[in-house]
Amino acid sequence: MLNKLYEQGKDLHVANYVAYGKTADHKLYADEGYTETATKAEIEDAFVKGRLVIVEGANYLVPVAFGATGVITVVAGETVKTRHGLLLPKSKQKIQNGVKVL
């Protein structure tokens, strides 16, 4: 049987958790003013519950993967984007299946 992830009391009546992506530094923030960086634990908790939404300008993104390199989202017509403060340095960027992973 598969492991179960239970919502907790703090999740009652919460439809989604919103993080704000800043293109300039590729990090996720807890506020629209980009002053408080979201923690890895906050992002992971929202992601595993299927409730993470990332707002980047006028775009609302739903992550498709989360791992050691950060959160991965896909925008139609663009390359894969990775967001969070856990990114690889630019010198270690790599190409996977013809897509640049930031």
Protein backbone atom coordinates (compact mmCIF):
# COMPACT_ATOMS: atom_id res chain seq x y z
CA MET A 1 0.00 0.00 0.00
CA LEU A 2 1.21 3.52 -0.77
CA ASN A 3 2.21 5.90 2.01
CA LYS A 4 -0.41 8.50 2.85
CA LEU A 5 0.15 12.22 3.29
CA TYR A 6 -2.46 13.65 5.62
CA GLU A 7 -3.48 17.27 5.70
CA GLN A 8 -3.14 18.86 9.10
CA GLY A 9 -5.32 21.25 11.06
CA LYS A 10 -3.29 24.16 9.67
CA ASP A 11 -4.47 23.14 6.18
CA LEU A 12 -8.19 23.42 6.98
CA HIS A 13 -9.94 25.60 4.38
CA VAL A 14 -6.65 26.32 2.54
CA ALA A 15 -7.12 25.89 -1.20
CA ASN A 16 -3.50 26.67 -2.18
CA TYR A 17 -0.24 28.03 -0.81
CA VAL A 18 1.13 30.87 -2.93
CA ALA A 19 4.82 31.60 -3.44
CA TYR A 20 6.09 34.51 -5.53
CA GLY A 21 8.82 33.83 -8.07
CA LYS A 22 11.36 36.53 -8.86
CA THR A 23 12.89 36.14 -12.32
CA ALA A 24 16.00 38.19 -11.47
CA ASP A 25 17.29 35.83 -8.77
CA HIS A 26 15.29 32.62 -9.42
CA LYS A 27 14.08 32.39 -5.81
CA LEU A 28 10.67 31.90 -4.26
CA TYR A 29 9.32 34.44 -1.80
CA ALA A 30 6.51 34.27 0.76
CA ASP A 31 5.31 37.80 -0.02
CA GLU A 32 4.53 39.88 -3.10
CA GLY A 33 7.19 42.45 -2.14
CA TYR A 34 9.98 39.84 -2.42
CA THR A 35 11.26 40.57 1.10
CA GLU A 36 10.83 37.17 2.80
CA THR A 37 12.33 34.13 1.10
CA ALA A 38 10.18 31.00 1.34
CA THR A 39 11.89 28.14 3.16
CA LYS A 40 12.56 24.74 1.62
CA ALA A 41 10.30 23.16 4.25
CA GLU A 42 7.39 25.49 3.36
CA ILE A 43 7.76 24.80 -0.36
CA GLU A 44 8.11 21.04 0.12
CA ASP A 45 5.08 20.88 2.44
CA ALA A 46 2.86 22.75 -0.03
CA PHE A 47 4.20 20.73 -2.98
CA VAL A 48 3.63 17.26 -1.50
CA LYS A 49 0.05 18.28 -0.62
CA GLY A 50 -0.51 19.37 -4.22
CA ARG A 51 -1.33 22.92 -3.12
CA LEU A 52 1.64 24.98 -4.30
CA VAL A 53 0.99 27.78 -6.80
CA ILE A 54 3.82 30.05 -7.94
CA VAL A 55 2.99 33.57 -9.10
CA GLU A 56 5.58 35.05 -11.43
CA GLY A 57 4.40 38.40 -12.76
CA ALA A 58 1.14 37.70 -14.61
CA ASN A 59 1.81 33.93 -14.72
CA TYR A 60 0.36 31.41 -12.28
CA LEU A 61 2.51 28.27 -12.33
CA VAL A 62 1.87 24.83 -10.85
CA PRO A 63 5.06 22.89 -10.16
CA VAL A 64 5.49 19.48 -11.78
CA ALA A 65 8.53 18.37 -9.76
CA PHE A 66 10.42 19.19 -6.59
CA GLY A 67 13.88 18.01 -5.66
CA ALA A 68 17.39 18.92 -4.60
CA THR A 69 17.69 21.52 -7.38
CA GLY A 70 14.40 23.24 -6.51
CA VAL A 71 10.90 23.43 -7.95
CA ILE A 72 10.38 22.73 -11.65
CA THR A 73 7.56 24.38 -13.60
CA VAL A 74 6.69 24.33 -17.29
CA VAL A 75 5.29 27.29 -19.23
CA ALA A 76 3.77 26.58 -22.65
CA GLY A 77 6.21 27.53 -25.39
CA GLU A 78 9.15 28.05 -23.04
CA THR A 79 11.88 25.93 -21.50
CA VAL A 80 11.66 24.25 -18.11
CA LYS A 81 12.23 26.69 -15.23
CA THR A 82 13.61 25.83 -11.82
CA ARG A 83 12.76 28.07 -8.88
CA HIS A 84 14.07 28.26 -5.31
CA GLY A 85 17.24 29.25 -3.53
CA LEU A 86 18.67 25.75 -4.06
CA LEU A 87 19.73 26.20 -7.66
CA LEU A 88 22.90 24.98 -9.29
CA PRO A 89 25.41 27.73 -10.09
CA LYS A 90 25.26 28.86 -13.73
CA SER A 91 28.53 27.07 -14.43
CA LYS A 92 26.77 23.78 -13.60
CA GLN A 93 23.69 24.26 -15.75
CA LYS A 94 22.92 21.26 -17.87
CA ILE A 95 20.85 20.25 -20.86
CA GLN A 96 18.40 17.37 -20.41
CA ASN A 97 16.51 16.06 -23.45
CA GLY A 98 17.17 19.29 -25.29
CA VAL A 99 15.84 21.46 -22.44
CA LYS A 100 18.06 23.78 -20.42
CA VAL A 101 17.64 23.12 -16.70
CA LEU A 102 18.41 26.31 -14.81
